N, C-alpha and C. Protein backbone atom coordinates (compact mmCIF):
# COMPACT_ATOMS: atom_id res chain seq x y z
N MET A 1 -70.70 -27.44 -18.73
CA MET A 1 -70.17 -26.33 -19.46
C MET A 1 -71.10 -25.16 -19.32
N ALA A 2 -70.53 -24.06 -19.00
CA ALA A 2 -71.35 -22.87 -18.84
C ALA A 2 -71.50 -22.20 -20.18
N THR A 3 -72.64 -21.74 -20.42
CA THR A 3 -72.88 -21.06 -21.68
C THR A 3 -72.83 -19.57 -21.43
N ALA A 4 -72.23 -18.90 -22.36
CA ALA A 4 -72.11 -17.45 -22.23
C ALA A 4 -73.31 -16.81 -22.87
N GLY A 5 -73.86 -15.88 -22.17
CA GLY A 5 -75.02 -15.18 -22.68
C GLY A 5 -74.60 -14.07 -23.62
N PRO A 6 -75.54 -13.45 -24.28
CA PRO A 6 -75.21 -12.40 -25.22
C PRO A 6 -74.59 -11.17 -24.56
N ASN A 7 -74.83 -10.96 -23.28
CA ASN A 7 -74.27 -9.80 -22.59
C ASN A 7 -72.81 -10.00 -22.19
N THR A 8 -72.40 -11.23 -21.96
CA THR A 8 -71.05 -11.49 -21.47
C THR A 8 -70.07 -11.79 -22.59
N SER A 9 -70.52 -12.15 -23.72
CA SER A 9 -69.60 -12.47 -24.81
C SER A 9 -69.32 -11.23 -25.63
N THR A 10 -68.10 -11.17 -26.14
CA THR A 10 -67.73 -10.04 -26.98
C THR A 10 -67.47 -10.54 -28.38
N SER A 11 -67.73 -9.72 -29.29
CA SER A 11 -67.52 -10.13 -30.68
C SER A 11 -66.06 -9.95 -31.03
N SER A 12 -65.67 -10.57 -32.08
CA SER A 12 -64.26 -10.48 -32.51
C SER A 12 -63.95 -9.05 -32.96
N ALA A 13 -64.93 -8.32 -33.44
CA ALA A 13 -64.70 -6.93 -33.85
C ALA A 13 -64.40 -6.07 -32.62
N GLU A 14 -65.13 -6.32 -31.55
CA GLU A 14 -64.88 -5.56 -30.33
C GLU A 14 -63.51 -5.90 -29.75
N GLU A 15 -63.13 -7.18 -29.80
CA GLU A 15 -61.82 -7.60 -29.31
C GLU A 15 -60.72 -6.92 -30.11
N ARG A 16 -60.86 -6.86 -31.44
CA ARG A 16 -59.86 -6.20 -32.28
C ARG A 16 -59.76 -4.72 -31.94
N ALA A 17 -60.92 -4.09 -31.69
CA ALA A 17 -60.92 -2.67 -31.36
C ALA A 17 -60.19 -2.43 -30.03
N VAL A 18 -60.42 -3.31 -29.06
CA VAL A 18 -59.75 -3.18 -27.77
C VAL A 18 -58.25 -3.41 -27.95
N GLU A 19 -57.87 -4.40 -28.73
CA GLU A 19 -56.45 -4.68 -28.97
C GLU A 19 -55.76 -3.52 -29.68
N GLU A 20 -56.44 -2.92 -30.67
CA GLU A 20 -55.88 -1.77 -31.37
C GLU A 20 -55.71 -0.58 -30.42
N ARG A 21 -56.69 -0.39 -29.57
CA ARG A 21 -56.59 0.70 -28.58
C ARG A 21 -55.41 0.46 -27.63
N ILE A 22 -55.23 -0.79 -27.21
CA ILE A 22 -54.10 -1.14 -26.33
C ILE A 22 -52.78 -0.85 -27.05
N GLU A 23 -52.69 -1.24 -28.32
CA GLU A 23 -51.46 -1.00 -29.10
C GLU A 23 -51.19 0.50 -29.22
N ARG A 24 -52.23 1.30 -29.51
CA ARG A 24 -52.06 2.75 -29.63
C ARG A 24 -51.59 3.34 -28.29
N LEU A 25 -52.19 2.87 -27.21
CA LEU A 25 -51.79 3.38 -25.90
C LEU A 25 -50.34 2.99 -25.57
N GLN A 26 -49.94 1.78 -25.94
CA GLN A 26 -48.56 1.36 -25.71
C GLN A 26 -47.59 2.23 -26.53
N GLU A 27 -47.96 2.55 -27.75
CA GLU A 27 -47.13 3.43 -28.58
C GLU A 27 -47.04 4.83 -27.95
N GLN A 28 -48.17 5.33 -27.44
CA GLN A 28 -48.18 6.64 -26.80
C GLN A 28 -47.30 6.63 -25.54
N VAL A 29 -47.34 5.53 -24.80
CA VAL A 29 -46.50 5.41 -23.60
C VAL A 29 -45.03 5.45 -24.00
N GLN A 30 -44.68 4.70 -25.06
CA GLN A 30 -43.29 4.69 -25.53
C GLN A 30 -42.86 6.09 -25.98
N THR A 31 -43.73 6.78 -26.71
CA THR A 31 -43.42 8.14 -27.16
C THR A 31 -43.26 9.07 -25.96
N ALA A 32 -44.13 8.94 -24.97
CA ALA A 32 -44.05 9.77 -23.77
C ALA A 32 -42.77 9.49 -22.99
N LYS A 33 -42.37 8.22 -22.91
CA LYS A 33 -41.12 7.87 -22.22
C LYS A 33 -39.91 8.47 -22.93
N GLY A 34 -39.93 8.43 -24.26
CA GLY A 34 -38.84 9.04 -25.03
C GLY A 34 -38.77 10.54 -24.78
N TYR A 35 -39.91 11.18 -24.75
CA TYR A 35 -39.97 12.62 -24.49
C TYR A 35 -39.49 12.93 -23.07
N GLU A 36 -39.86 12.07 -22.13
CA GLU A 36 -39.42 12.24 -20.75
C GLU A 36 -37.90 12.15 -20.66
N ARG A 37 -37.29 11.17 -21.35
CA ARG A 37 -35.84 11.04 -21.36
C ARG A 37 -35.19 12.30 -21.94
N LEU A 38 -35.77 12.81 -23.00
CA LEU A 38 -35.24 14.02 -23.63
C LEU A 38 -35.30 15.20 -22.67
N LEU A 39 -36.42 15.36 -21.98
CA LEU A 39 -36.57 16.46 -21.03
C LEU A 39 -35.62 16.31 -19.84
N LYS A 40 -35.42 15.07 -19.38
CA LYS A 40 -34.48 14.84 -18.27
C LYS A 40 -33.06 15.21 -18.69
N ALA A 41 -32.70 14.88 -19.92
CA ALA A 41 -31.36 15.22 -20.41
C ALA A 41 -31.19 16.74 -20.49
N LYS A 42 -32.23 17.43 -20.96
CA LYS A 42 -32.16 18.89 -21.02
C LYS A 42 -32.05 19.49 -19.63
N LEU A 43 -32.79 18.94 -18.68
CA LEU A 43 -32.75 19.42 -17.30
C LEU A 43 -31.36 19.20 -16.69
N ALA A 44 -30.79 18.05 -16.95
CA ALA A 44 -29.44 17.77 -16.43
C ALA A 44 -28.43 18.75 -17.02
N ALA A 45 -28.58 19.07 -18.30
CA ALA A 45 -27.68 20.03 -18.94
C ALA A 45 -27.85 21.41 -18.31
N LEU A 46 -29.07 21.79 -18.03
CA LEU A 46 -29.32 23.09 -17.39
C LEU A 46 -28.77 23.13 -15.97
N ASP A 47 -28.90 22.02 -15.24
CA ASP A 47 -28.37 21.97 -13.88
C ASP A 47 -26.85 22.05 -13.87
N ALA A 48 -26.21 21.56 -14.92
CA ALA A 48 -24.75 21.56 -14.98
C ALA A 48 -24.21 22.97 -15.22
N GLU A 49 -24.98 23.81 -15.83
CA GLU A 49 -24.54 25.17 -16.12
C GLU A 49 -24.68 26.03 -14.87
N PRO A 50 -23.74 26.98 -14.68
CA PRO A 50 -23.87 27.86 -13.51
C PRO A 50 -25.06 28.80 -13.68
N SER A 51 -25.67 29.14 -12.55
CA SER A 51 -26.82 30.03 -12.60
C SER A 51 -26.36 31.46 -12.82
N VAL A 52 -27.30 32.32 -13.14
CA VAL A 52 -26.98 33.73 -13.37
C VAL A 52 -26.43 34.34 -12.09
N THR A 53 -26.97 33.96 -10.95
CA THR A 53 -26.50 34.48 -9.67
C THR A 53 -25.04 34.08 -9.44
N ASP A 54 -24.74 32.80 -9.72
CA ASP A 54 -23.35 32.34 -9.56
C ASP A 54 -22.42 33.09 -10.50
N LEU A 55 -22.86 33.29 -11.73
CA LEU A 55 -22.03 34.01 -12.70
C LEU A 55 -21.78 35.45 -12.25
N ARG A 56 -22.81 36.10 -11.73
CA ARG A 56 -22.64 37.47 -11.24
C ARG A 56 -21.67 37.51 -10.07
N ALA A 57 -21.78 36.56 -9.16
CA ALA A 57 -20.87 36.50 -8.01
C ALA A 57 -19.43 36.28 -8.49
N ASN A 58 -19.26 35.39 -9.46
CA ASN A 58 -17.92 35.14 -10.00
C ASN A 58 -17.35 36.38 -10.68
N VAL A 59 -18.18 37.08 -11.41
CA VAL A 59 -17.73 38.30 -12.10
C VAL A 59 -17.33 39.35 -11.07
N MET A 60 -18.12 39.50 -10.01
CA MET A 60 -17.79 40.49 -8.98
C MET A 60 -16.47 40.14 -8.30
N ALA A 61 -16.27 38.86 -8.00
CA ALA A 61 -15.02 38.43 -7.35
C ALA A 61 -13.83 38.68 -8.27
N LEU A 62 -14.01 38.39 -9.55
CA LEU A 62 -12.92 38.62 -10.51
C LEU A 62 -12.63 40.11 -10.67
N GLU A 63 -13.66 40.94 -10.64
CA GLU A 63 -13.45 42.38 -10.74
C GLU A 63 -12.70 42.91 -9.52
N LEU A 64 -13.04 42.41 -8.33
CA LEU A 64 -12.31 42.81 -7.12
C LEU A 64 -10.85 42.39 -7.21
N GLU A 65 -10.62 41.17 -7.64
CA GLU A 65 -9.25 40.67 -7.78
C GLU A 65 -8.48 41.52 -8.80
N LYS A 66 -9.15 41.88 -9.88
CA LYS A 66 -8.51 42.71 -10.91
C LYS A 66 -8.13 44.07 -10.33
N GLU A 67 -9.03 44.66 -9.54
CA GLU A 67 -8.74 45.96 -8.93
C GLU A 67 -7.56 45.87 -7.97
N GLU A 68 -7.52 44.81 -7.17
CA GLU A 68 -6.42 44.63 -6.23
C GLU A 68 -5.08 44.48 -6.97
N LEU A 69 -5.09 43.67 -8.03
CA LEU A 69 -3.88 43.47 -8.81
C LEU A 69 -3.45 44.76 -9.50
N ALA A 70 -4.41 45.51 -10.00
CA ALA A 70 -4.09 46.79 -10.65
C ALA A 70 -3.50 47.76 -9.64
N ASP A 71 -4.04 47.76 -8.42
CA ASP A 71 -3.52 48.64 -7.38
C ASP A 71 -2.09 48.24 -7.01
N ARG A 72 -1.84 46.96 -6.85
CA ARG A 72 -0.47 46.50 -6.56
C ARG A 72 0.48 46.86 -7.68
N LEU A 73 0.05 46.69 -8.90
CA LEU A 73 0.88 47.02 -10.05
C LEU A 73 1.16 48.52 -10.10
N ARG A 74 0.15 49.33 -9.78
CA ARG A 74 0.32 50.79 -9.77
C ARG A 74 1.37 51.20 -8.73
N ARG A 75 1.30 50.59 -7.54
CA ARG A 75 2.29 50.90 -6.50
C ARG A 75 3.69 50.45 -6.91
N LEU A 76 3.78 49.31 -7.58
CA LEU A 76 5.09 48.84 -8.03
C LEU A 76 5.67 49.79 -9.08
N ARG A 77 4.83 50.22 -10.00
CA ARG A 77 5.29 51.12 -11.06
C ARG A 77 5.62 52.51 -10.52
N ALA A 78 4.93 52.92 -9.46
CA ALA A 78 5.17 54.25 -8.89
C ALA A 78 6.43 54.27 -8.04
N GLY A 79 6.98 53.12 -7.74
CA GLY A 79 8.21 53.07 -6.96
C GLY A 79 7.98 53.15 -5.47
N GLN A 80 6.78 52.91 -5.02
CA GLN A 80 6.49 52.97 -3.59
C GLN A 80 6.99 51.73 -2.86
N VAL A 81 7.33 50.69 -3.60
CA VAL A 81 7.84 49.47 -3.02
C VAL A 81 9.35 49.46 -3.19
N LYS A 82 10.05 49.25 -2.10
CA LYS A 82 11.51 49.27 -2.12
C LYS A 82 12.01 47.95 -2.70
N PRO A 83 12.79 47.99 -3.77
CA PRO A 83 13.33 46.75 -4.32
C PRO A 83 14.40 46.17 -3.40
N VAL A 84 14.54 44.87 -3.40
CA VAL A 84 15.50 44.19 -2.56
C VAL A 84 16.79 44.02 -3.36
N SER A 85 17.88 44.43 -2.77
CA SER A 85 19.17 44.31 -3.46
C SER A 85 19.63 42.86 -3.43
N LEU A 86 20.55 42.53 -4.33
CA LEU A 86 21.08 41.17 -4.39
C LEU A 86 21.82 40.83 -3.11
N ALA A 87 22.55 41.77 -2.54
CA ALA A 87 23.29 41.51 -1.31
C ALA A 87 22.33 41.22 -0.16
N GLU A 88 21.25 42.01 -0.07
CA GLU A 88 20.27 41.81 0.98
C GLU A 88 19.58 40.46 0.83
N ARG A 89 19.27 40.11 -0.40
CA ARG A 89 18.62 38.83 -0.66
C ARG A 89 19.56 37.68 -0.30
N GLY A 90 20.82 37.81 -0.65
CA GLY A 90 21.81 36.78 -0.31
C GLY A 90 21.94 36.61 1.20
N ALA A 91 21.93 37.72 1.93
CA ALA A 91 22.04 37.66 3.39
C ALA A 91 20.83 36.95 3.99
N VAL A 92 19.65 37.26 3.49
CA VAL A 92 18.44 36.62 4.00
C VAL A 92 18.46 35.13 3.69
N GLU A 93 18.86 34.76 2.50
CA GLU A 93 18.91 33.34 2.13
C GLU A 93 19.96 32.60 2.96
N ALA A 94 21.09 33.24 3.25
CA ALA A 94 22.11 32.62 4.09
C ALA A 94 21.58 32.40 5.51
N GLU A 95 20.87 33.38 6.04
CA GLU A 95 20.30 33.25 7.38
C GLU A 95 19.23 32.15 7.40
N LEU A 96 18.44 32.07 6.34
CA LEU A 96 17.43 31.02 6.25
C LEU A 96 18.09 29.65 6.24
N THR A 97 19.16 29.50 5.48
CA THR A 97 19.88 28.23 5.43
C THR A 97 20.42 27.88 6.81
N GLU A 98 20.97 28.87 7.52
CA GLU A 98 21.49 28.64 8.86
C GLU A 98 20.40 28.16 9.80
N TRP A 99 19.21 28.78 9.74
CA TRP A 99 18.11 28.39 10.61
C TRP A 99 17.56 27.02 10.24
N LYS A 100 17.58 26.69 8.96
CA LYS A 100 17.13 25.35 8.55
C LYS A 100 18.06 24.29 9.13
N MET A 101 19.37 24.57 9.11
CA MET A 101 20.32 23.61 9.65
C MET A 101 20.12 23.47 11.16
N LYS A 102 19.88 24.59 11.87
CA LYS A 102 19.62 24.53 13.30
C LYS A 102 18.37 23.71 13.57
N ALA A 103 17.34 23.91 12.77
CA ALA A 103 16.10 23.16 12.96
C ALA A 103 16.33 21.67 12.75
N GLN A 104 17.14 21.31 11.75
CA GLN A 104 17.43 19.89 11.51
C GLN A 104 18.19 19.28 12.68
N ARG A 105 19.17 20.03 13.22
CA ARG A 105 19.94 19.53 14.36
C ARG A 105 19.02 19.36 15.57
N ARG A 106 18.15 20.33 15.80
CA ARG A 106 17.25 20.25 16.95
C ARG A 106 16.22 19.13 16.78
N LYS A 107 15.84 18.90 15.55
CA LYS A 107 14.91 17.80 15.30
C LYS A 107 15.59 16.47 15.60
N ARG A 108 16.84 16.33 15.21
CA ARG A 108 17.59 15.11 15.48
C ARG A 108 17.73 14.92 17.00
N ILE A 109 18.05 16.00 17.72
CA ILE A 109 18.16 15.94 19.18
C ILE A 109 16.83 15.52 19.78
N PHE A 110 15.76 16.09 19.27
CA PHE A 110 14.41 15.76 19.75
C PHE A 110 14.16 14.27 19.61
N TRP A 111 14.46 13.69 18.46
CA TRP A 111 14.20 12.27 18.24
C TRP A 111 15.04 11.41 19.16
N ASP A 112 16.27 11.81 19.36
CA ASP A 112 17.14 11.04 20.25
C ASP A 112 16.60 11.06 21.68
N MET A 113 16.22 12.24 22.14
CA MET A 113 15.69 12.36 23.50
C MET A 113 14.36 11.62 23.63
N LEU A 114 13.54 11.69 22.61
CA LEU A 114 12.25 11.01 22.64
C LEU A 114 12.45 9.50 22.68
N ALA A 115 13.41 9.01 21.92
CA ALA A 115 13.68 7.57 21.92
C ALA A 115 14.08 7.10 23.31
N MET A 116 14.89 7.91 24.00
CA MET A 116 15.29 7.55 25.36
C MET A 116 14.09 7.59 26.30
N ALA A 117 13.24 8.59 26.16
CA ALA A 117 12.10 8.75 27.06
C ALA A 117 10.99 7.76 26.76
N GLN A 118 10.95 7.27 25.56
CA GLN A 118 9.83 6.43 25.13
C GLN A 118 10.06 4.96 25.43
N ASP A 119 11.22 4.61 25.92
CA ASP A 119 11.52 3.20 26.16
C ASP A 119 10.50 2.53 27.06
N GLY A 120 9.97 3.23 28.06
CA GLY A 120 9.04 2.61 29.00
C GLY A 120 7.59 2.77 28.64
N PHE A 121 7.25 3.46 27.56
CA PHE A 121 5.84 3.68 27.21
C PHE A 121 5.26 2.51 26.45
N ALA A 122 4.01 2.17 26.79
CA ALA A 122 3.33 1.08 26.10
C ALA A 122 2.70 1.56 24.80
N GLU A 123 2.20 2.80 24.81
CA GLU A 123 1.55 3.34 23.60
C GLU A 123 2.63 3.76 22.61
N VAL A 124 2.64 3.12 21.46
CA VAL A 124 3.66 3.41 20.47
C VAL A 124 3.02 4.18 19.33
N LYS A 125 3.60 5.32 19.02
CA LYS A 125 3.16 6.12 17.88
C LYS A 125 4.27 6.13 16.86
N THR A 126 3.91 6.45 15.63
CA THR A 126 4.95 6.59 14.62
C THR A 126 5.69 7.89 14.84
N LYS A 127 6.87 7.98 14.33
CA LYS A 127 7.67 9.19 14.48
C LYS A 127 6.94 10.39 13.89
N GLU A 128 6.30 10.18 12.77
CA GLU A 128 5.60 11.28 12.11
C GLU A 128 4.45 11.80 12.97
N GLN A 129 3.68 10.89 13.59
CA GLN A 129 2.58 11.32 14.46
C GLN A 129 3.10 12.11 15.65
N ILE A 130 4.17 11.66 16.24
CA ILE A 130 4.74 12.35 17.39
C ILE A 130 5.25 13.72 16.98
N TRP A 131 5.93 13.79 15.84
CA TRP A 131 6.48 15.07 15.38
C TRP A 131 5.37 16.08 15.11
N VAL A 132 4.31 15.63 14.45
CA VAL A 132 3.19 16.53 14.16
C VAL A 132 2.55 17.00 15.46
N SER A 133 2.35 16.09 16.39
CA SER A 133 1.76 16.44 17.68
C SER A 133 2.65 17.44 18.41
N PHE A 134 3.93 17.24 18.37
CA PHE A 134 4.87 18.12 19.05
C PHE A 134 4.86 19.51 18.43
N CYS A 135 4.84 19.58 17.10
CA CYS A 135 4.85 20.87 16.41
C CYS A 135 3.52 21.60 16.59
N VAL A 136 2.42 20.88 16.59
CA VAL A 136 1.10 21.50 16.70
C VAL A 136 0.93 22.15 18.06
N HIS A 137 1.49 21.56 19.10
CA HIS A 137 1.33 22.11 20.45
C HIS A 137 2.28 23.27 20.72
N GLY A 138 3.06 23.68 19.74
CA GLY A 138 3.88 24.88 19.86
C GLY A 138 5.24 24.66 20.49
N HIS A 139 5.58 23.44 20.85
CA HIS A 139 6.86 23.19 21.48
C HIS A 139 8.03 23.39 20.51
N PHE A 140 7.80 23.08 19.27
CA PHE A 140 8.87 23.18 18.29
C PHE A 140 9.27 24.63 18.08
N VAL A 141 8.32 25.55 18.18
CA VAL A 141 8.62 26.96 18.01
C VAL A 141 9.60 27.41 19.07
N SER A 142 9.39 26.99 20.32
CA SER A 142 10.31 27.38 21.37
C SER A 142 11.68 26.73 21.17
N LEU A 143 11.74 25.54 20.60
CA LEU A 143 13.03 24.93 20.31
C LEU A 143 13.78 25.73 19.25
N LEU A 144 13.04 26.19 18.23
CA LEU A 144 13.69 26.93 17.14
C LEU A 144 14.21 28.27 17.62
N THR A 145 13.49 28.92 18.50
CA THR A 145 13.91 30.24 18.94
C THR A 145 14.93 30.18 20.07
N GLY A 146 15.24 28.98 20.56
CA GLY A 146 16.25 28.83 21.58
C GLY A 146 15.73 29.08 22.99
N MET A 147 14.40 29.05 23.16
CA MET A 147 13.83 29.34 24.47
C MET A 147 13.61 28.07 25.28
N ALA A 148 13.93 26.94 24.75
CA ALA A 148 13.66 25.69 25.45
C ALA A 148 14.72 25.39 26.47
């Protein structure tokens, strides 16, 4: 058995003092962690709010929009914009309906012709993919205008 000398042994009073210091430090750590959580929450709240620069940019954009709307309203009130008569509106809507029907007929013709042409192709696409591809490449515009 090894004997402890007077330099290596600690008294119970010293042990209690060390334990009390450890407890105080643990309490301080807990208090500091609570304060840290509080500061993080405040920081998150500040980050969620728009900055002054963002607010100024938004205000400027809204002021521009307000000026544009006021200018349009001024022109409307001054009578510089020609109102559309009911007869003219009806004629335009009738022509639009006619063109929609032509587009539907041409679309049906397109699908029929595509079905005939696609019989030998190995790569199969859905009708929607083919239609979008066809319209994007500008072919549908020429079909609508009768230039095809």
